[in-house]
Amino acid sequence: MNITLKHFTRSALAGSMLASLFSTSVLANDALINSSFHPYQDDVPSHDGLQAGMVINQDNLAQFKDIIDPAFANFIEQGWLEVTVGETTSFDLHPGYIEASRNGLGQVSLGDSVGEINGWVAGRPFLEEPDTNDPRAGEKLAWNYKYGYNWGDSAAIAPFYWKYRDMNSGKLERTIKFNFHFLNFTGRVNHEPVPTITPNPSELFRGIYVQVLEPYDVRNTQLLIHRAQDDLKRDNSWLYLGFQRRVRRLATGQVTDAFLGSDLMIEDFEGYNGRISDMNWNYKGTRHMLMPFYNHNDLTLDAETHSDSDGYQVVAFGGQGGCFPNITWQLRKVYEVEASPVDDSHPLSKRVHFIDAQTFTIPRTVSYDRSGKLWKTFTIGQAHPDHHLPANKGTGVSIDDSFSMIDVQAMHCTTGQFKGQVDPSLSTPEMFSVQHMRATGN
């Protein structure tokens, strides 16, 4: 009787300890999820004197310089633009993406070399806060960006207007109208099939397909990018030139050329459009910064140009040369990461990315030429999906909604006005093939 009682007591104690450990583990995981995906749940960042609705300009810039990246602060200091402050709001990602991140907790690790990752299936691979004592912290943040929920499983920007401007005179030199399409072949969390599109014989992670609609001289130019699951494999990219009516493969170096005469490289798309293994990643710290996040429908929009048949209006531009989006900026938690090219022949010496800690989009990037001088700054405005097109409501996608790439050395800019649509029917797997380029071209 006593032996049975002791056995029962020990079993109950062991069960209680296991239950306690399980409960502690669940709480720890919940804390990681909340910290990573809901950073403003308990504490909204603040700064002395900063209030929603106020305008930051030359007169009061000194008070707020430490929450604005130096390159952009210099624009305000020169009087090129004024910044309107908005309320800090949560851009909650899709529950499917958050659940996939939870399922991957403790399963993902870096490989021996930059560009190698183990155990990732879907979701955000690294949820812990970056540590400056971790030599690979920047690389982990880069993977979080690559496997982020930017445009979700699939989406389209249709139409997408790029404008080339002389920054001194404000002269509009050229307008190009595109359609851009994005599709994740793996890591899918929302649109069927989940988590992988099959068959996928080329073992692709992501596809990007671009088609020029106007003007006539470049009409039907098409770009196709295939990014492999294996980051150590080079992208396969093809260009279809309408006037030649043929597809040609892009050489590796061409992704750093000016794309269609703009101020952007193909490698600049979405903040960074390249392999993790192409860069050395250095985490510089975590800060609170003003970032271009807003509600599209609350802005004063461009009512004169590019108004769609459904009444949708794009973001308006102003400031020096018409190079700056007329949007509001929020104080947000940001990771600063420096990326320097592995290839010494790269036209840049480094990019400094300011990565939004909640969405892992890259709304601000500052680029330096090979001599180390400031060359370009890139702003990608992020619109809340619930205050945008009705179809985007509830998608949990931080919508790329405006961009401004400024070449400070040439005093020139390229701006982008978007109609981003999270609609899987607009970006089907068949579109991401060379055969589709040929068929569309003919």
Protein backbone atom coordinates (compact mmCIF):
# COMPACT_ATOMS: atom_id res chain seq x y z
CA MET A 1 0.00 0.00 0.00
CA ASN A 2 2.79 2.37 0.92
CA ILE A 3 4.74 1.44 -2.24
CA THR A 4 1.69 2.13 -4.38
CA LEU A 5 1.13 5.44 -2.61
CA LYS A 6 4.76 6.48 -3.12
CA HIS A 7 4.59 5.51 -6.82
CA PHE A 8 1.38 7.50 -7.23
CA THR A 9 2.91 10.50 -5.45
CA ARG A 10 6.03 10.41 -7.61
CA SER A 11 3.97 10.08 -10.81
CA ALA A 12 1.73 12.96 -9.77
CA LEU A 13 4.77 15.09 -8.95
CA ALA A 14 6.41 14.26 -12.28
CA GLY A 15 3.18 15.05 -14.10
CA SER A 16 2.88 18.32 -12.25
CA MET A 17 6.47 19.26 -13.16
CA LEU A 18 5.88 18.40 -16.82
CA ALA A 19 2.68 20.43 -16.85
CA SER A 20 4.52 23.34 -15.24
CA LEU A 21 7.35 23.12 -17.80
CA PHE A 22 4.83 22.93 -20.65
CA SER A 23 2.95 25.92 -19.28
CA THR A 24 6.19 27.88 -18.90
CA SER A 25 7.17 27.01 -22.47
CA VAL A 26 3.78 28.09 -23.83
CA LEU A 27 4.01 31.38 -21.94
CA ALA A 28 7.53 31.97 -23.25
CA ASN A 29 6.40 31.27 -26.82
CA ASP A 30 3.40 33.57 -26.41
CA ALA A 31 5.73 36.30 -25.15
CA LEU A 32 7.96 35.89 -28.22
CA ILE A 33 4.97 36.03 -30.57
CA ASN A 34 3.54 39.13 -28.88
CA SER A 35 6.89 40.92 -28.81
CA SER A 36 7.56 40.21 -32.48
CA PHE A 37 4.11 40.71 -34.00
CA HIS A 38 2.40 43.10 -31.56
CA PRO A 39 5.11 45.52 -30.41
CA TYR A 40 2.61 48.32 -29.66
CA GLN A 41 0.15 46.19 -27.67
CA ASP A 42 1.32 47.47 -24.28
CA ASP A 43 3.58 50.40 -25.09
CA VAL A 44 3.40 52.95 -27.92
CA PRO A 45 6.70 54.77 -28.61
CA SER A 46 6.88 58.48 -27.82
CA HIS A 47 9.28 61.38 -28.18
CA ASP A 48 9.35 64.72 -26.38
CA GLY A 49 7.15 67.21 -28.19
CA LEU A 50 6.02 64.78 -30.90
CA GLN A 51 2.27 64.68 -31.50
CA ALA A 52 0.05 63.28 -34.21
CA GLY A 53 -0.99 66.00 -36.63
CA MET A 54 2.07 68.20 -36.16
CA VAL A 55 4.41 69.15 -39.00
CA ILE A 56 8.20 68.79 -38.86
CA ASN A 57 10.04 71.35 -40.95
CA GLN A 58 13.21 73.45 -40.97
CA ASP A 59 12.07 75.40 -37.91
CA ASN A 60 11.63 72.51 -35.47
CA LEU A 61 13.79 69.78 -37.04
CA ALA A 62 16.52 70.01 -34.38
CA GLN A 63 14.10 68.69 -31.76
CA PHE A 64 13.40 65.52 -33.75
CA LYS A 65 16.67 64.74 -35.54
CA ASP A 66 17.35 61.63 -33.48
CA ILE A 67 14.14 59.95 -34.70
CA ILE A 68 14.78 60.63 -38.42
CA ASP A 69 17.54 58.98 -40.43
CA PRO A 70 20.29 61.51 -41.24
CA ALA A 71 19.80 61.48 -45.03
CA PHE A 72 16.11 62.26 -44.74
CA ALA A 73 16.69 64.82 -42.00
CA ASN A 74 19.00 66.61 -44.42
CA PHE A 75 16.16 66.85 -46.95
CA ILE A 76 13.96 68.55 -44.34
CA GLU A 77 16.83 70.80 -43.30
CA GLN A 78 17.22 72.00 -46.89
CA GLY A 79 13.52 72.77 -47.09
CA TRP A 80 12.81 70.10 -49.68
CA LEU A 81 9.76 68.87 -47.78
CA GLU A 82 7.81 68.98 -44.55
CA VAL A 83 6.75 65.83 -42.70
CA THR A 84 3.30 65.40 -41.17
CA VAL A 85 3.24 63.12 -38.14
CA GLY A 86 0.56 60.43 -37.84
CA GLU A 87 -0.55 58.32 -34.91
CA THR A 88 1.41 55.10 -34.33
CA THR A 89 -0.87 52.22 -35.31
CA SER A 90 -0.52 48.44 -35.39
CA PHE A 91 -0.15 46.77 -38.78
CA ASP A 92 -1.24 43.28 -37.73
CA LEU A 93 -0.06 40.55 -40.09
CA HIS A 94 -2.31 37.70 -41.22
CA PRO A 95 -3.11 35.14 -38.46
CA GLY A 96 -1.97 32.34 -40.76
CA TYR A 97 1.50 33.86 -41.00
CA ILE A 98 1.69 34.34 -37.23
CA GLU A 99 0.58 30.73 -36.61
CA ALA A 100 3.18 29.44 -39.09
CA SER A 101 5.80 31.43 -37.17
CA ARG A 102 4.61 29.88 -33.91
CA ASN A 103 4.84 26.37 -35.42
CA GLY A 104 8.42 27.05 -36.47
CA LEU A 105 9.62 28.17 -33.05
CA GLY A 106 12.82 26.35 -32.15
CA GLN A 107 12.94 24.58 -35.52
CA VAL A 108 14.95 27.10 -37.57
CA SER A 109 18.70 27.71 -37.49
CA LEU A 110 21.36 29.30 -39.66
CA GLY A 111 23.70 27.09 -41.65
CA ASP A 112 27.47 27.31 -41.57
CA SER A 113 27.63 29.82 -44.44
CA VAL A 114 25.72 33.03 -45.13
CA GLY A 115 22.73 32.05 -47.26
CA GLU A 116 22.17 28.69 -45.58
CA ILE A 117 19.14 28.11 -43.34
CA ASN A 118 17.79 24.93 -41.77
CA GLY A 119 14.29 23.88 -40.74
CA TRP A 120 12.24 26.73 -42.20
CA VAL A 121 8.81 25.85 -43.61
CA ALA A 122 6.81 29.08 -43.37
CA GLY A 123 6.45 32.20 -41.24
CA ARG A 124 9.04 34.43 -39.56
CA PRO A 125 12.14 32.30 -38.91
CA PHE A 126 13.72 34.24 -36.02
CA LEU A 127 11.46 35.80 -33.37
CA GLU A 128 14.03 36.67 -30.71
CA GLU A 129 15.17 40.27 -30.40
CA PRO A 130 18.49 40.84 -32.20
CA ASP A 131 21.61 41.05 -30.04
CA THR A 132 24.54 43.30 -30.93
CA ASN A 133 26.82 40.61 -29.45
CA ASP A 134 25.53 38.09 -31.99
CA PRO A 135 27.76 38.36 -35.11
CA ARG A 136 24.96 36.89 -37.25
CA ALA A 137 22.11 39.05 -35.91
CA GLY A 138 21.96 41.08 -39.13
CA GLU A 139 21.75 37.91 -41.20
CA LYS A 140 18.81 36.66 -39.12
CA LEU A 141 16.99 39.95 -39.70
CA ALA A 142 17.68 39.62 -43.43
CA TRP A 143 16.05 36.17 -43.41
CA ASN A 144 13.05 37.61 -41.55
CA TYR A 145 12.72 40.14 -44.38
CA LYS A 146 13.12 37.54 -47.13
CA TYR A 147 10.53 35.25 -45.53
CA GLY A 148 8.28 38.12 -44.55
CA TYR A 149 4.66 38.70 -45.49
CA ASN A 150 5.40 41.43 -48.01
CA TRP A 151 2.51 41.12 -50.51
CA GLY A 152 1.40 37.93 -48.75
CA ASP A 153 1.32 34.68 -50.73
CA SER A 154 0.56 36.52 -53.98
CA ALA A 155 -0.51 39.96 -55.14
CA ALA A 156 -0.36 42.41 -58.01
CA ILE A 157 0.32 46.09 -58.50
CA ALA A 158 -1.96 46.85 -61.41
CA PRO A 159 -1.48 49.50 -62.55
CA PHE A 160 1.85 50.84 -61.30
CA TYR A 161 3.06 54.29 -62.45
CA TRP A 162 6.73 55.30 -62.44
CA LYS A 163 7.63 58.93 -63.06
CA TYR A 164 11.10 60.25 -63.84
CA ARG A 165 11.77 63.80 -62.67
CA ASP A 166 14.48 66.43 -62.71
CA MET A 167 14.71 67.35 -59.05
CA ASN A 168 15.95 70.89 -59.64
CA SER A 169 13.27 71.98 -62.10
CA GLY A 170 10.51 69.52 -61.23
CA LYS A 171 10.19 68.67 -64.92
CA LEU A 172 8.40 65.38 -65.55
CA GLU A 173 10.58 63.59 -68.09
CA ARG A 174 8.79 60.28 -68.52
CA THR A 175 5.91 58.17 -67.19
CA ILE A 176 5.91 54.38 -67.47
CA LYS A 177 2.83 52.31 -66.69
CA PHE A 178 3.45 48.75 -65.48
CA ASN A 179 1.77 45.73 -64.01
CA PHE A 180 3.85 43.94 -61.33
CA HIS A 181 2.98 40.44 -60.08
CA PHE A 182 4.34 38.51 -57.08
CA LEU A 183 3.93 34.85 -56.18
CA ASN A 184 5.38 32.72 -53.38
CA PHE A 185 5.82 29.11 -54.45
CA THR A 186 6.78 28.00 -50.92
CA GLY A 187 6.17 29.32 -47.41
CA ARG A 188 2.52 29.97 -48.23
CA VAL A 189 0.19 30.51 -45.28
CA ASN A 190 -3.10 31.90 -46.56
CA HIS A 191 -4.05 31.15 -50.16
CA GLU A 192 -4.32 27.52 -51.26
CA PRO A 193 -2.26 25.53 -51.88
CA VAL A 194 -0.51 25.78 -48.49
CA PRO A 195 2.44 25.68 -47.82
CA THR A 196 3.77 24.88 -51.32
CA ILE A 197 2.64 25.07 -54.93
CA THR A 198 3.19 21.77 -56.69
CA PRO A 199 4.59 20.74 -59.02
CA ASN A 200 7.60 22.97 -58.47
CA PRO A 201 10.36 21.20 -60.44
CA SER A 202 12.73 24.20 -60.32
CA GLU A 203 12.35 24.36 -56.51
CA LEU A 204 11.44 28.04 -56.58
CA PHE A 205 10.80 30.19 -53.56
CA ARG A 206 9.37 33.26 -55.29
CA GLY A 207 8.55 34.69 -58.68
CA ILE A 208 8.28 38.30 -59.87
CA TYR A 209 6.75 39.14 -63.23
CA VAL A 210 6.66 42.65 -64.71
CA GLN A 211 4.97 43.90 -67.88
CA VAL A 212 5.18 47.43 -69.34
CA LEU A 213 1.85 48.75 -70.63
CA GLU A 214 2.86 52.28 -71.72
CA PRO A 215 4.44 54.21 -73.44
CA TYR A 216 4.62 52.76 -76.91
CA ASP A 217 8.42 52.66 -77.27
CA VAL A 218 8.80 50.22 -74.34
CA ARG A 219 5.33 48.66 -74.43
CA ASN A 220 5.30 44.94 -73.66
CA THR A 221 8.80 44.92 -72.21
CA GLN A 222 8.63 42.09 -69.67
CA LEU A 223 10.82 40.98 -66.78
CA LEU A 224 10.67 37.58 -65.08
CA ILE A 225 12.63 36.67 -61.95
CA HIS A 226 12.83 33.18 -60.48
CA ARG A 227 14.30 33.00 -56.96
CA ALA A 228 15.32 29.53 -55.84
CA GLN A 229 14.58 28.02 -52.45
CA ASP A 230 18.33 27.49 -52.12
CA ASP A 231 19.72 30.99 -51.51
CA LEU A 232 23.15 29.92 -52.75
CA LYS A 233 21.71 29.41 -56.24
CA ARG A 234 21.65 32.50 -58.43
CA ASP A 235 18.34 33.95 -59.57
CA ASN A 236 17.23 33.12 -63.07
CA SER A 237 15.99 36.28 -64.78
CA TRP A 238 14.70 36.94 -68.27
CA LEU A 239 13.84 40.08 -70.22
CA TYR A 240 11.44 40.26 -73.15
CA LEU A 241 11.92 43.29 -75.39
CA GLY A 242 8.77 44.07 -77.33
CA PHE A 243 10.50 45.66 -80.29
CA GLN A 244 12.81 42.63 -80.67
CA ARG A 245 10.09 40.08 -79.92
CA ARG A 246 12.47 37.73 -78.18
CA VAL A 247 13.34 36.61 -74.66
CA ARG A 248 16.90 36.86 -73.41
CA ARG A 249 18.41 35.79 -70.14
CA LEU A 250 19.73 38.58 -67.94
CA ALA A 251 23.37 38.44 -66.96
CA THR A 252 23.96 38.57 -63.21
CA GLY A 253 25.47 42.06 -63.34
CA GLN A 254 22.44 43.56 -65.04
CA VAL A 255 20.37 43.49 -61.84
CA THR A 256 22.48 46.44 -60.66
CA ASP A 257 22.00 48.48 -63.85
CA ALA A 258 19.45 51.29 -64.04
CA PHE A 259 16.15 49.57 -64.87
CA LEU A 260 14.57 51.13 -67.99
CA GLY A 261 16.54 54.32 -67.41
CA SER A 262 15.11 54.90 -63.93
CA ASP A 263 16.96 55.57 -60.66
CA LEU A 264 16.25 51.99 -59.52
CA MET A 265 18.18 48.78 -59.96
CA ILE A 266 16.28 45.50 -60.18
CA GLU A 267 18.11 44.71 -56.93
CA ASP A 268 16.35 47.67 -55.28
CA PHE A 269 12.81 46.32 -55.73
CA GLU A 270 10.86 46.12 -52.44
CA GLY A 271 13.84 47.53 -50.53
CA TYR A 272 16.17 44.65 -51.39
CA ASN A 273 15.59 42.17 -54.19
CA GLY A 274 18.56 39.84 -54.02
CA ARG A 275 20.02 36.85 -52.25
CA ILE A 276 21.00 36.82 -48.59
CA SER A 277 24.35 35.36 -49.67
CA ASP A 278 25.12 38.37 -51.89
CA MET A 279 25.59 40.66 -48.88
CA ASN A 280 27.38 40.91 -45.55
CA TRP A 281 24.73 41.80 -42.96
CA ASN A 282 25.57 43.90 -39.91
CA TYR A 283 22.97 44.70 -37.25
CA LYS A 284 23.56 48.27 -36.03
CA GLY A 285 20.86 48.59 -33.39
CA THR A 286 17.18 49.03 -32.58
CA ARG A 287 15.61 52.47 -32.48
CA HIS A 288 12.34 54.37 -32.65
CA MET A 289 12.09 56.30 -35.93
CA LEU A 290 9.55 58.14 -38.02
CA MET A 291 8.57 55.79 -40.82
CA PRO A 292 6.21 56.19 -43.83
CA PHE A 293 3.17 54.27 -42.51
CA TYR A 294 -0.35 55.60 -43.04
CA ASN A 295 -3.98 54.99 -43.95
CA HIS A 296 -4.29 55.50 -47.70
CA ASN A 297 -7.96 56.47 -47.56
CA ASP A 298 -7.28 59.22 -45.01
CA LEU A 299 -4.78 61.06 -47.24
CA THR A 300 -5.40 63.90 -49.68
CA LEU A 301 -4.90 61.84 -52.83
CA ASP A 302 -4.04 62.57 -56.45
CA ALA A 303 -7.48 63.43 -57.85
CA GLU A 304 -6.18 64.68 -61.20
CA THR A 305 -4.05 61.85 -62.56
CA HIS A 306 -4.38 58.07 -62.59
CA SER A 307 -7.85 57.94 -61.08
CA ASP A 308 -9.15 54.42 -61.70
CA SER A 309 -12.55 53.44 -63.08
CA ASP A 310 -13.54 52.15 -59.61
CA GLY A 311 -12.74 55.52 -58.07
CA TYR A 312 -9.40 54.48 -56.60
CA GLN A 313 -6.89 57.33 -56.44
CA VAL A 314 -3.13 57.05 -56.02
CA VAL A 315 -0.94 58.91 -53.54
CA ALA A 316 -0.08 62.49 -54.55
CA PHE A 317 3.48 63.83 -54.66
CA GLY A 318 5.00 67.21 -53.81
CA GLY A 319 8.08 68.74 -52.22
CA GLN A 320 11.31 69.48 -54.07
CA GLY A 321 10.87 68.52 -57.72
CA GLY A 322 7.66 66.63 -56.92
CA CYS A 323 9.85 63.83 -55.57
CA PHE A 324 8.19 63.21 -52.18
CA PRO A 325 4.91 61.41 -51.41
CA ASN A 326 2.31 63.47 -49.55
CA ILE A 327 1.84 61.01 -46.70
CA THR A 328 2.01 60.86 -42.90
CA TRP A 329 4.85 59.32 -40.89
CA GLN A 330 4.56 57.25 -37.69
CA LEU A 331 7.02 56.75 -34.83
CA ARG A 332 7.79 53.01 -34.98
CA LYS A 333 10.21 50.37 -33.75
CA VAL A 334 12.97 49.89 -36.32
CA TYR A 335 15.99 47.63 -36.84
CA GLU A 336 18.97 49.30 -38.53
CA VAL A 337 20.94 46.88 -40.71
CA GLU A 338 23.95 47.59 -42.90
CA ALA A 339 24.36 45.42 -46.01
CA SER A 340 27.65 45.52 -47.88
CA PRO A 341 28.08 43.60 -51.15
CA VAL A 342 30.27 40.51 -51.22
CA ASP A 343 31.25 41.33 -54.82
CA ASP A 344 33.82 44.15 -54.95
CA SER A 345 32.59 45.16 -58.43
CA HIS A 346 29.13 46.06 -57.10
CA PRO A 347 28.27 49.75 -57.75
CA LEU A 348 27.44 50.28 -54.07
CA SER A 349 29.72 50.12 -51.04
CA LYS A 350 26.73 49.54 -48.76
CA ARG A 351 23.04 50.00 -48.14
CA VAL A 352 21.67 50.97 -44.75
CA HIS A 353 18.22 49.43 -44.33
CA PHE A 354 15.74 50.65 -41.73
CA ILE A 355 13.52 47.59 -41.27
CA ASP A 356 10.14 47.92 -39.62
CA ALA A 357 10.14 45.59 -36.61
CA GLN A 358 6.46 44.62 -36.86
CA THR A 359 6.01 44.00 -40.59
CA PHE A 360 9.64 43.39 -41.66
CA THR A 361 9.11 45.58 -44.70
CA ILE A 362 11.95 47.98 -45.63
CA PRO A 363 10.37 51.44 -45.85
CA ARG A 364 13.68 53.34 -45.78
CA THR A 365 17.02 52.52 -47.42
CA VAL A 366 20.06 54.76 -47.83
CA SER A 367 22.68 53.74 -50.42
CA TYR A 368 26.33 54.76 -50.74
CA ASP A 369 28.52 54.64 -53.84
CA ARG A 370 31.79 52.75 -54.04
CA SER A 371 33.73 55.68 -52.62
CA GLY A 372 31.44 55.74 -49.58
CA LYS A 373 29.52 58.90 -50.54
CA LEU A 374 25.74 59.17 -50.15
CA TRP A 375 24.19 58.30 -53.49
CA LYS A 376 20.50 57.38 -53.22
CA THR A 377 17.70 57.21 -50.69
CA PHE A 378 14.65 54.99 -51.10
CA THR A 379 11.30 55.52 -49.38
CA ILE A 380 8.50 52.95 -49.72
CA GLY A 381 5.23 54.14 -48.21
CA GLN A 382 3.27 51.48 -46.31
CA ALA A 383 -0.53 51.64 -46.28
CA HIS A 384 -2.73 49.79 -43.79
CA PRO A 385 -4.74 47.12 -45.66
CA ASP A 386 -7.94 47.90 -43.75
CA HIS A 387 -7.91 51.52 -45.00
CA HIS A 388 -7.22 50.86 -48.66
CA LEU A 389 -9.07 48.95 -51.38
CA PRO A 390 -12.00 46.89 -50.01
CA ALA A 391 -10.39 43.71 -51.37
CA ASN A 392 -7.30 44.30 -49.21
CA LYS A 393 -9.21 44.55 -45.93
CA GLY A 394 -8.31 41.77 -43.52
CA THR A 395 -5.42 40.47 -45.61
CA GLY A 396 -2.79 41.40 -43.04
CA VAL A 397 -0.50 42.71 -45.79
CA SER A 398 1.34 45.98 -45.25
CA ILE A 399 0.59 47.47 -48.68
CA ASP A 400 3.46 49.03 -50.65
CA ASP A 401 1.63 52.17 -51.73
CA SER A 402 4.11 54.83 -52.87
CA PHE A 403 7.84 55.10 -53.47
CA SER A 404 10.51 57.70 -54.02
CA MET A 405 14.03 56.85 -55.16
CA ILE A 406 16.18 59.99 -55.02
CA ASP A 407 19.63 60.23 -56.60
CA VAL A 408 21.12 63.06 -54.54
CA GLN A 409 24.25 63.23 -56.69
CA ALA A 410 22.35 63.67 -59.97
CA MET A 411 19.45 65.63 -58.38
CA HIS A 412 17.02 63.26 -60.03
CA CYS A 413 14.21 61.05 -58.77
CA THR A 414 11.93 58.22 -59.79
CA THR A 415 8.58 58.04 -58.02
CA GLY A 416 6.00 55.27 -57.84
CA GLN A 417 2.22 55.39 -57.50
CA PHE A 418 0.57 52.04 -56.76
CA LYS A 419 -2.69 50.21 -56.97
CA GLY A 420 -1.71 47.21 -54.87
CA GLN A 421 -4.20 44.34 -54.88
CA VAL A 422 -3.96 41.22 -52.70
CA ASP A 423 -5.88 39.00 -55.07
CA PRO A 424 -4.49 35.54 -55.99
CA SER A 425 -6.49 35.47 -59.23
CA LEU A 426 -4.31 38.30 -60.58
CA SER A 427 -1.03 36.36 -60.21
CA THR A 428 -1.41 32.72 -61.24
CA PRO A 429 1.54 30.29 -61.45
CA GLU A 430 1.24 30.10 -65.25
CA MET A 431 2.21 33.78 -65.52
CA PHE A 432 5.67 33.14 -64.07
CA SER A 433 7.13 31.32 -67.06
CA VAL A 434 9.17 32.15 -70.14
CA GLN A 435 6.39 30.59 -72.25
CA HIS A 436 3.94 33.15 -70.87
CA MET A 437 6.31 35.99 -71.79
CA ARG A 438 6.52 34.74 -75.37
CA ALA A 439 2.77 34.21 -75.64
CA THR A 440 2.01 37.67 -74.20
CA GLY A 441 4.61 39.28 -76.43
CA ASN A 442 3.20 37.76 -79.57
